[in-house]
PDB file of all heavy atoms in Angstrom:
ATOM      1  N   TYR A   1      -0.760   9.008   2.826  1.00  0.00           N
ATOM      2  CA  TYR A   1      -1.010   8.606   1.437  1.00  0.00           C
ATOM      3  C   TYR A   1      -2.493   8.308   1.224  1.00  0.00           C
ATOM      4  O   TYR A   1      -3.096   8.770   0.256  1.00  0.00           O
ATOM      5  CB  TYR A   1      -0.164   7.381   1.109  1.00  0.00           C
ATOM      6  CG  TYR A   1      -0.501   6.720  -0.210  1.00  0.00           C
ATOM      7  CD1 TYR A   1      -0.070   7.258  -1.415  1.00  0.00           C
ATOM      8  CD2 TYR A   1      -1.261   5.539  -0.241  1.00  0.00           C
ATOM      9  CE1 TYR A   1      -0.378   6.648  -2.625  1.00  0.00           C
ATOM     10  CE2 TYR A   1      -1.572   4.934  -1.446  1.00  0.00           C
ATOM     11  CZ  TYR A   1      -1.130   5.487  -2.634  1.00  0.00           C
ATOM     12  OH  TYR A   1      -1.453   4.883  -3.827  1.00  0.00           O
ATOM     13  N   ARG A   2      -3.082   7.542   2.127  1.00  0.00           N
ATOM     14  CA  ARG A   2      -4.505   7.192   1.987  1.00  0.00           C
ATOM     15  C   ARG A   2      -5.384   8.441   2.022  1.00  0.00           C
ATOM     16  O   ARG A   2      -6.360   8.537   1.258  1.00  0.00           O
ATOM     17  CB  ARG A   2      -4.918   6.225   3.097  1.00  0.00           C
ATOM     18  CG  ARG A   2      -4.339   4.825   2.983  1.00  0.00           C
ATOM     19  CD  ARG A   2      -5.096   3.862   3.883  1.00  0.00           C
ATOM     20  NE  ARG A   2      -4.487   2.558   3.998  1.00  0.00           N
ATOM     21  CZ  ARG A   2      -4.554   1.595   3.088  1.00  0.00           C
ATOM     22  NH1 ARG A   2      -5.194   1.807   1.945  1.00  0.00           N
ATOM     23  NH2 ARG A   2      -3.993   0.415   3.305  1.00  0.00           N
ATOM     24  N   ALA A   3      -5.053   9.393   2.871  1.00  0.00           N
ATOM     25  CA  ALA A   3      -5.842  10.618   2.950  1.00  0.00           C
ATOM     26  C   ALA A   3      -5.770  11.396   1.643  1.00  0.00           C
ATOM     27  O   ALA A   3      -6.783  11.932   1.160  1.00  0.00           O
ATOM     28  CB  ALA A   3      -5.348  11.478   4.114  1.00  0.00           C
ATOM     29  N   ASP A   4      -4.589  11.440   1.063  1.00  0.00           N
ATOM     30  CA  ASP A   4      -4.418  12.144  -0.203  1.00  0.00           C
ATOM     31  C   ASP A   4      -5.199  11.463  -1.320  1.00  0.00           C
ATOM     32  O   ASP A   4      -5.865  12.124  -2.126  1.00  0.00           O
ATOM     33  CB  ASP A   4      -2.935  12.198  -0.560  1.00  0.00           C
ATOM     34  CG  ASP A   4      -2.672  12.980  -1.835  1.00  0.00           C
ATOM     35  OD1 ASP A   4      -2.840  14.204  -1.814  1.00  0.00           O
ATOM     36  OD2 ASP A   4      -2.326  12.350  -2.851  1.00  0.00           O
ATOM     37  N   VAL A   5      -5.142  10.138  -1.353  1.00  0.00           N
ATOM     38  CA  VAL A   5      -5.877   9.389  -2.375  1.00  0.00           C
ATOM     39  C   VAL A   5      -7.390   9.583  -2.194  1.00  0.00           C
ATOM     40  O   VAL A   5      -8.120   9.824  -3.163  1.00  0.00           O
ATOM     41  CB  VAL A   5      -5.509   7.890  -2.302  1.00  0.00           C
ATOM     42  CG1 VAL A   5      -6.433   7.065  -3.185  1.00  0.00           C
ATOM     43  CG2 VAL A   5      -4.061   7.686  -2.729  1.00  0.00           C
ATOM     44  N   ALA A   6      -7.853   9.494  -0.957  1.00  0.00           N
ATOM     45  CA  ALA A   6      -9.290   9.634  -0.687  1.00  0.00           C
ATOM     46  C   ALA A   6      -9.796  11.024  -1.072  1.00  0.00           C
ATOM     47  O   ALA A   6     -10.907  11.173  -1.592  1.00  0.00           O
ATOM     48  CB  ALA A   6      -9.567   9.351   0.780  1.00  0.00           C
ATOM     49  N   SER A   7      -8.988  12.037  -0.841  1.00  0.00           N
ATOM     50  CA  SER A   7      -9.411  13.403  -1.155  1.00  0.00           C
ATOM     51  C   SER A   7      -9.588  13.615  -2.651  1.00  0.00           C
ATOM     52  O   SER A   7     -10.269  14.550  -3.072  1.00  0.00           O
ATOM     53  CB  SER A   7      -8.388  14.407  -0.615  1.00  0.00           C
ATOM     54  OG  SER A   7      -7.180  14.365  -1.356  1.00  0.00           O
ATOM     55  N   SER A   8      -8.978  12.753  -3.446  1.00  0.00           N
ATOM     56  CA  SER A   8      -9.094  12.854  -4.898  1.00  0.00           C
ATOM     57  C   SER A   8     -10.171  11.946  -5.466  1.00  0.00           C
ATOM     58  O   SER A   8     -10.372  11.903  -6.682  1.00  0.00           O
ATOM     59  CB  SER A   8      -7.740  12.514  -5.546  1.00  0.00           C
ATOM     60  OG  SER A   8      -6.750  13.416  -5.134  1.00  0.00           O
ATOM     61  N   GLY A   9     -10.860  11.194  -4.606  1.00  0.00           N
ATOM     62  CA  GLY A   9     -11.953  10.339  -5.066  1.00  0.00           C
ATOM     63  C   GLY A   9     -11.516   9.118  -5.832  1.00  0.00           C
ATOM     64  O   GLY A   9     -12.275   8.571  -6.631  1.00  0.00           O
ATOM     65  N   ILE A  10     -10.277   8.652  -5.590  1.00  0.00           N
ATOM     66  CA  ILE A  10      -9.739   7.504  -6.306  1.00  0.00           C
ATOM     67  C   ILE A  10     -10.108   6.222  -5.586  1.00  0.00           C
ATOM     68  O   ILE A  10     -10.029   6.138  -4.359  1.00  0.00           O
ATOM     69  CB  ILE A  10      -8.208   7.609  -6.413  1.00  0.00           C
ATOM     70  CG1 ILE A  10      -7.812   8.870  -7.191  1.00  0.00           C
ATOM     71  CG2 ILE A  10      -7.612   6.369  -7.070  1.00  0.00           C
ATOM     72  CD1 ILE A  10      -6.345   9.226  -7.080  1.00  0.00           C
ATOM     73  N   GLU A  11     -10.509   5.203  -6.344  1.00  0.00           N
ATOM     74  CA  GLU A  11     -10.798   3.887  -5.771  1.00  0.00           C
ATOM     75  C   GLU A  11      -9.508   3.068  -5.747  1.00  0.00           C
ATOM     76  O   GLU A  11      -9.140   2.437  -6.730  1.00  0.00           O
ATOM     77  CB  GLU A  11     -11.873   3.156  -6.572  1.00  0.00           C
ATOM     78  CG  GLU A  11     -12.229   1.793  -5.983  1.00  0.00           C
ATOM     79  CD  GLU A  11     -13.117   0.962  -6.868  1.00  0.00           C
ATOM     80  OE1 GLU A  11     -13.660   1.497  -7.868  1.00  0.00           O
ATOM     81  OE2 GLU A  11     -13.269  -0.254  -6.588  1.00  0.00           O
ATOM     82  N   LEU A  12      -8.818   3.099  -4.632  1.00  0.00           N
ATOM     83  CA  LEU A  12      -7.553   2.383  -4.496  1.00  0.00           C
ATOM     84  C   LEU A  12      -7.827   0.941  -4.094  1.00  0.00           C
ATOM     85  O   LEU A  12      -8.451   0.678  -3.072  1.00  0.00           O
ATOM     86  CB  LEU A  12      -6.682   3.058  -3.432  1.00  0.00           C
ATOM     87  CG  LEU A  12      -5.287   2.477  -3.235  1.00  0.00           C
ATOM     88  CD1 LEU A  12      -4.388   2.819  -4.423  1.00  0.00           C
ATOM     89  CD2 LEU A  12      -4.671   2.993  -1.929  1.00  0.00           C
ATOM     90  N   ILE A  13      -7.329   0.001  -4.893  1.00  0.00           N
ATOM     91  CA  ILE A  13      -7.540  -1.415  -4.569  1.00  0.00           C
ATOM     92  C   ILE A  13      -6.268  -2.084  -4.065  1.00  0.00           C
ATOM     93  O   ILE A  13      -6.309  -3.232  -3.610  1.00  0.00           O
ATOM     94  CB  ILE A  13      -8.084  -2.197  -5.781  1.00  0.00           C
ATOM     95  CG1 ILE A  13      -7.083  -2.157  -6.935  1.00  0.00           C
ATOM     96  CG2 ILE A  13      -9.450  -1.663  -6.197  1.00  0.00           C
ATOM     97  CD1 ILE A  13      -7.413  -3.128  -8.046  1.00  0.00           C
ATOM     98  N   GLY A  14      -5.139  -1.387  -4.127  1.00  0.00           N
ATOM     99  CA  GLY A  14      -3.899  -1.979  -3.642  1.00  0.00           C
ATOM    100  C   GLY A  14      -2.715  -1.083  -3.913  1.00  0.00           C
ATOM    101  O   GLY A  14      -2.779  -0.157  -4.728  1.00  0.00           O
ATOM    102  N   LEU A  15      -1.632  -1.360  -3.199  1.00  0.00           N
ATOM    103  CA  LEU A  15      -0.409  -0.605  -3.392  1.00  0.00           C
ATOM    104  C   LEU A  15       0.783  -1.465  -2.994  1.00  0.00           C
ATOM    105  O   LEU A  15       0.654  -2.390  -2.184  1.00  0.00           O
ATOM    106  CB  LEU A  15      -0.399   0.675  -2.565  1.00  0.00           C
ATOM    107  CG  LEU A  15      -0.318   0.526  -1.036  1.00  0.00           C
ATOM    108  CD1 LEU A  15       0.370   1.748  -0.416  1.00  0.00           C
ATOM    109  CD2 LEU A  15      -1.703   0.354  -0.425  1.00  0.00           C
ATOM    110  N   CYS A  16       1.920  -1.172  -3.585  1.00  0.00           N
ATOM    111  CA  CYS A  16       3.184  -1.780  -3.190  1.00  0.00           C
ATOM    112  C   CYS A  16       3.969  -0.725  -2.442  1.00  0.00           C
ATOM    113  O   CYS A  16       4.249   0.352  -2.984  1.00  0.00           O
ATOM    114  CB  CYS A  16       3.963  -2.273  -4.404  1.00  0.00           C
ATOM    115  SG  CYS A  16       5.542  -3.057  -3.984  1.00  0.00           S
ATOM    116  N   GLY A  17       4.306  -1.004  -1.170  1.00  0.00           N
ATOM    117  CA  GLY A  17       4.958  -0.028  -0.319  1.00  0.00           C
ATOM    118  C   GLY A  17       6.441  -0.300  -0.145  1.00  0.00           C
ATOM    119  O   GLY A  17       6.864  -1.450   0.011  1.00  0.00           O
ATOM    120  N   LEU A  18       7.229   0.774  -0.162  1.00  0.00           N
ATOM    121  CA  LEU A  18       8.683   0.710  -0.034  1.00  0.00           C
ATOM    122  C   LEU A  18       9.089   1.498   1.204  1.00  0.00           C
ATOM    123  O   LEU A  18       8.655   2.635   1.387  1.00  0.00           O
ATOM    124  CB  LEU A  18       9.349   1.319  -1.266  1.00  0.00           C
ATOM    125  CG  LEU A  18       8.682   1.055  -2.621  1.00  0.00           C
ATOM    126  CD1 LEU A  18       9.307   1.918  -3.697  1.00  0.00           C
ATOM    127  CD2 LEU A  18       8.778  -0.414  -2.988  1.00  0.00           C
ATOM    128  N   TRP A  19       9.935   0.941   2.031  1.00  0.00           N
ATOM    129  CA  TRP A  19      10.269   1.639   3.271  1.00  0.00           C
ATOM    130  C   TRP A  19      11.419   2.621   3.137  1.00  0.00           C
ATOM    131  O   TRP A  19      11.574   3.521   3.949  1.00  0.00           O
ATOM    132  CB  TRP A  19      10.576   0.654   4.397  1.00  0.00           C
ATOM    133  CG  TRP A  19      11.852  -0.155   4.264  1.00  0.00           C
ATOM    134  CD1 TRP A  19      11.963  -1.426   3.798  1.00  0.00           C
ATOM    135  CD2 TRP A  19      13.188   0.246   4.634  1.00  0.00           C
ATOM    136  NE1 TRP A  19      13.273  -1.839   3.833  1.00  0.00           N
ATOM    137  CE2 TRP A  19      14.048  -0.844   4.347  1.00  0.00           C
ATOM    138  CE3 TRP A  19      13.741   1.415   5.176  1.00  0.00           C
ATOM    139  CZ2 TRP A  19      15.421  -0.797   4.579  1.00  0.00           C
ATOM    140  CZ3 TRP A  19      15.116   1.458   5.401  1.00  0.00           C
ATOM    141  CH2 TRP A  19      15.935   0.360   5.112  1.00  0.00           C
ATOM    142  N   PHE A  20      12.262   2.461   2.103  1.00  0.00           N
ATOM    143  CA  PHE A  20      13.398   3.371   2.022  1.00  0.00           C
ATOM    144  C   PHE A  20      13.243   4.356   0.872  1.00  0.00           C
ATOM    145  O   PHE A  20      12.538   4.116  -0.100  1.00  0.00           O
ATOM    146  CB  PHE A  20      14.725   2.610   1.926  1.00  0.00           C
ATOM    147  CG  PHE A  20      15.020   1.972   0.594  1.00  0.00           C
ATOM    148  CD1 PHE A  20      15.917   2.558  -0.279  1.00  0.00           C
ATOM    149  CD2 PHE A  20      14.427   0.777   0.227  1.00  0.00           C
ATOM    150  CE1 PHE A  20      16.215   1.969  -1.502  1.00  0.00           C
ATOM    151  CE2 PHE A  20      14.725   0.172  -0.987  1.00  0.00           C
ATOM    152  CZ  PHE A  20      15.616   0.775  -1.858  1.00  0.00           C
ATOM    153  N   GLY A  21      13.901   5.500   1.045  1.00  0.00           N
ATOM    154  CA  GLY A  21      13.784   6.608   0.113  1.00  0.00           C
ATOM    155  C   GLY A  21      13.810   7.902   0.904  1.00  0.00           C
ATOM    156  O   GLY A  21      13.567   7.914   2.114  1.00  0.00           O
ATOM    157  N   GLY A  22      14.112   9.018   0.242  1.00  0.00           N
ATOM    158  CA  GLY A  22      14.174  10.284   0.958  1.00  0.00           C
ATOM    159  C   GLY A  22      15.248  10.246   2.029  1.00  0.00           C
ATOM    160  O   GLY A  22      16.394   9.889   1.769  1.00  0.00           O
ATOM    161  N   PRO A  23      14.884  10.564   3.288  1.00  0.00           N
ATOM    162  CA  PRO A  23      15.893  10.594   4.360  1.00  0.00           C
ATOM    163  C   PRO A  23      16.322   9.209   4.830  1.00  0.00           C
ATOM    164  O   PRO A  23      17.311   9.074   5.539  1.00  0.00           O
ATOM    165  CB  PRO A  23      15.180  11.352   5.483  1.00  0.00           C
ATOM    166  CG  PRO A  23      13.733  11.057   5.257  1.00  0.00           C
ATOM    167  CD  PRO A  23      13.562  10.989   3.766  1.00  0.00           C
ATOM    168  N   HIS A  24      15.583   8.179   4.445  1.00  0.00           N
ATOM    169  CA  HIS A  24      15.896   6.815   4.875  1.00  0.00           C
ATOM    170  C   HIS A  24      16.547   6.068   3.718  1.00  0.00           C
ATOM    171  O   HIS A  24      15.902   5.794   2.703  1.00  0.00           O
ATOM    172  CB  HIS A  24      14.620   6.086   5.325  1.00  0.00           C
ATOM    173  CG  HIS A  24      13.912   6.767   6.450  1.00  0.00           C
ATOM    174  ND1 HIS A  24      14.319   6.655   7.754  1.00  0.00           N
ATOM    175  CD2 HIS A  24      12.826   7.580   6.467  1.00  0.00           C
ATOM    176  CE1 HIS A  24      13.521   7.372   8.537  1.00  0.00           C
ATOM    177  NE2 HIS A  24      12.610   7.940   7.774  1.00  0.00           N
ATOM    178  N   GLN A  25      17.814   5.729   3.869  1.00  0.00           N
ATOM    179  CA  GLN A  25      18.529   5.042   2.814  1.00  0.00           C
ATOM    180  C   GLN A  25      18.895   3.632   3.254  1.00  0.00           C
ATOM    181  O   GLN A  25      18.819   3.284   4.422  1.00  0.00           O
ATOM    182  CB  GLN A  25      19.761   5.834   2.408  1.00  0.00           C
ATOM    183  CG  GLN A  25      19.436   7.192   1.791  1.00  0.00           C
ATOM    184  CD  GLN A  25      18.519   7.092   0.573  1.00  0.00           C
ATOM    185  OE1 GLN A  25      18.655   6.183  -0.239  1.00  0.00           O
ATOM    186  NE2 GLN A  25      17.586   8.016   0.461  1.00  0.00           N
ATOM    187  N   ALA A  26      19.285   2.811   2.272  1.00  0.00           N
ATOM    188  CA  ALA A  26      19.594   1.403   2.532  1.00  0.00           C
ATOM    189  C   ALA A  26      20.974   1.103   1.959  1.00  0.00           C
ATOM    190  O   ALA A  26      21.108   0.567   0.859  1.00  0.00           O
ATOM    191  CB  ALA A  26      18.538   0.514   1.897  1.00  0.00           C
ATOM    192  N   LEU A  27      21.984   1.473   2.716  1.00  0.00           N
ATOM    193  CA  LEU A  27      23.362   1.416   2.224  1.00  0.00           C
ATOM    194  C   LEU A  27      24.076   0.143   2.649  1.00  0.00           C
ATOM    195  O   LEU A  27      23.631  -0.568   3.560  1.00  0.00           O
ATOM    196  CB  LEU A  27      24.126   2.635   2.741  1.00  0.00           C
ATOM    197  CG  LEU A  27      23.551   3.995   2.331  1.00  0.00           C
ATOM    198  CD1 LEU A  27      24.322   5.119   3.009  1.00  0.00           C
ATOM    199  CD2 LEU A  27      23.558   4.169   0.822  1.00  0.00           C
ATOM    200  N   ALA A  28      25.188  -0.123   2.000  1.00  0.00           N
ATOM    201  CA  ALA A  28      26.003  -1.289   2.345  1.00  0.00           C
ATOM    202  C   ALA A  28      26.607  -1.109   3.732  1.00  0.00           C
ATOM    203  O   ALA A  28      26.859   0.009   4.192  1.00  0.00           O
ATOM    204  CB  ALA A  28      27.116  -1.476   1.312  1.00  0.00           C
ATOM    205  N   GLY A  29      26.830  -2.236   4.390  1.00  0.00           N
ATOM    206  CA  GLY A  29      27.463  -2.195   5.696  1.00  0.00           C
ATOM    207  C   GLY A  29      26.535  -1.899   6.848  1.00  0.00           C
ATOM    208  O   GLY A  29      26.981  -1.722   7.980  1.00  0.00           O
ATOM    209  N   GLU A  30      25.229  -1.854   6.589  1.00  0.00           N
ATOM    210  CA  GLU A  30      24.247  -1.574   7.632  1.00  0.00           C
ATOM    211  C   GLU A  30      23.138  -2.630   7.621  1.00  0.00           C
ATOM    212  O   GLU A  30      21.950  -2.318   7.537  1.00  0.00           O
ATOM    213  CB  GLU A  30      23.653  -0.183   7.442  1.00  0.00           C
ATOM    214  CG  GLU A  30      24.688   0.933   7.466  1.00  0.00           C
ATOM    215  CD  GLU A  30      24.101   2.303   7.200  1.00  0.00           C
ATOM    216  OE1 GLU A  30      22.912   2.392   6.823  1.00  0.00           O
ATOM    217  OE2 GLU A  30      24.834   3.297   7.356  1.00  0.00           O
ATOM    218  N   PRO A  31      23.497  -3.910   7.692  1.00  0.00           N
ATOM    219  CA  PRO A  31      22.490  -4.965   7.573  1.00  0.00           C
ATOM    220  C   PRO A  31      21.434  -4.936   8.673  1.00  0.00           C
ATOM    221  O   PRO A  31      20.273  -5.297   8.426  1.00  0.00           O
ATOM    222  CB  PRO A  31      23.315  -6.256   7.621  1.00  0.00           C
ATOM    223  CG  PRO A  31      24.592  -5.872   8.296  1.00  0.00           C
ATOM    224  CD  PRO A  31      24.861  -4.463   7.869  1.00  0.00           C
ATOM    225  N   ALA A  32      21.808  -4.499   9.877  1.00  0.00           N
ATOM    226  CA  ALA A  32      20.827  -4.435  10.958  1.00  0.00           C
ATOM    227  C   ALA A  32      19.751  -3.398  10.658  1.00  0.00           C
ATOM    228  O   ALA A  32      18.558  -3.627  10.916  1.00  0.00           O
ATOM    229  CB  ALA A  32      21.515  -4.108  12.284  1.00  0.00           C
ATOM    230  N   GLN A  33      20.158  -2.269  10.092  1.00  0.00           N
ATOM    231  CA  GLN A  33      19.196  -1.233   9.727  1.00  0.00           C
ATOM    232  C   GLN A  33      18.256  -1.737   8.628  1.00  0.00           C
ATOM    233  O   GLN A  33      17.051  -1.490   8.663  1.00  0.00           O
ATOM    234  CB  GLN A  33      19.917   0.023   9.254  1.00  0.00           C
ATOM    235  CG  GLN A  33      18.980   1.137   8.800  1.00  0.00           C
ATOM    236  CD  GLN A  33      19.732   2.337   8.251  1.00  0.00           C
ATOM    237  OE1 GLN A  33      20.872   2.590   8.630  1.00  0.00           O
ATOM    238  NE2 GLN A  33      19.090   3.077   7.359  1.00  0.00           N
ATOM    239  N   LEU A  34      18.803  -2.440   7.660  1.00  0.00           N
ATOM    240  CA  LEU A  34      17.976  -2.977   6.583  1.00  0.00           C
ATOM    241  C   LEU A  34      16.983  -3.997   7.128  1.00  0.00           C
ATOM    242  O   LEU A  34      15.804  -4.009   6.726  1.00  0.00           O
ATOM    243  CB  LEU A  34      18.850  -3.601   5.494  1.00  0.00           C
ATOM    244  CG  LEU A  34      19.313  -2.658   4.387  1.00  0.00           C
ATOM    245  CD1 LEU A  34      20.153  -1.507   4.927  1.00  0.00           C
ATOM    246  CD2 LEU A  34      20.096  -3.417   3.324  1.00  0.00           C
ATOM    247  N   ARG A  35      17.439  -4.838   8.027  1.00  0.00           N
ATOM    248  CA  ARG A  35      16.557  -5.832   8.626  1.00  0.00           C
ATOM    249  C   ARG A  35      15.411  -5.155   9.378  1.00  0.00           C
ATOM    250  O   ARG A  35      14.247  -5.575   9.271  1.00  0.00           O
ATOM    251  CB  ARG A  35      17.364  -6.725   9.569  1.00  0.00           C
ATOM    252  CG  ARG A  35      16.558  -7.858  10.194  1.00  0.00           C
ATOM    253  CD  ARG A  35      17.414  -8.639  11.194  1.00  0.00           C
ATOM    254  NE  ARG A  35      16.652  -9.702  11.838  1.00  0.00           N
ATOM    255  CZ  ARG A  35      16.794 -10.980  11.583  1.00  0.00           C
ATOM    256  NH1 ARG A  35      17.672 -11.380  10.669  1.00  0.00           N
ATOM    257  NH2 ARG A  35      16.070 -11.880  12.215  1.00  0.00           N
ATOM    258  N   THR A  36      15.730  -4.095  10.119  1.00  0.00           N
ATOM    259  CA  THR A  36      14.698  -3.359  10.856  1.00  0.00           C
ATOM    260  C   THR A  36      13.679  -2.744   9.898  1.00  0.00           C
ATOM    261  O   THR A  36      12.471  -2.800  10.130  1.00  0.00           O
ATOM    262  CB  THR A  36      15.348  -2.260  11.713  1.00  0.00           C
ATOM    263  OG1 THR A  36      16.213  -2.862  12.681  1.00  0.00           O
ATOM    264  CG2 THR A  36      14.290  -1.435  12.432  1.00  0.00           C
ATOM    265  N   GLY A  37      14.172  -2.148   8.816  1.00  0.00           N
ATOM    266  CA  GLY A  37      13.260  -1.567   7.833  1.00  0.00           C
ATOM    267  C   GLY A  37      12.373  -2.609   7.186  1.00  0.00           C
ATOM    268  O   GLY A  37      11.172  -2.398   6.988  1.00  0.00           O
ATOM    269  N   ASN A  38      12.948  -3.752   6.857  1.00  0.00           N
ATOM    270  CA  ASN A  38      12.163  -4.830   6.256  1.00  0.00           C
ATOM    271  C   ASN A  38      11.092  -5.346   7.218  1.00  0.00           C
ATOM    272  O   ASN A  38       9.939  -5.573   6.825  1.00  0.00           O
ATOM    273  CB  ASN A  38      13.090  -5.982   5.847  1.00  0.00           C
ATOM    274  CG  ASN A  38      14.017  -5.608   4.713  1.00  0.00           C
ATOM    275  OD1 ASN A  38      13.757  -4.674   3.958  1.00  0.00           O
ATOM    276  ND2 ASN A  38      15.119  -6.329   4.581  1.00  0.00           N
TER     277      ASN A  38
END
C-alpha cells in the first residue's frame, strides 16, 4: 500500500487498517481466529 501511495506522490499522514477482507473473513464460531487477527 505504501509503495502504491508513494508512486502517486501522495502525502499520506495516516491510515486506518483492517485485517479482514478478501480471502480473510471474520465469521461466527471462530473466536480464536478473530483474536489472532486483532
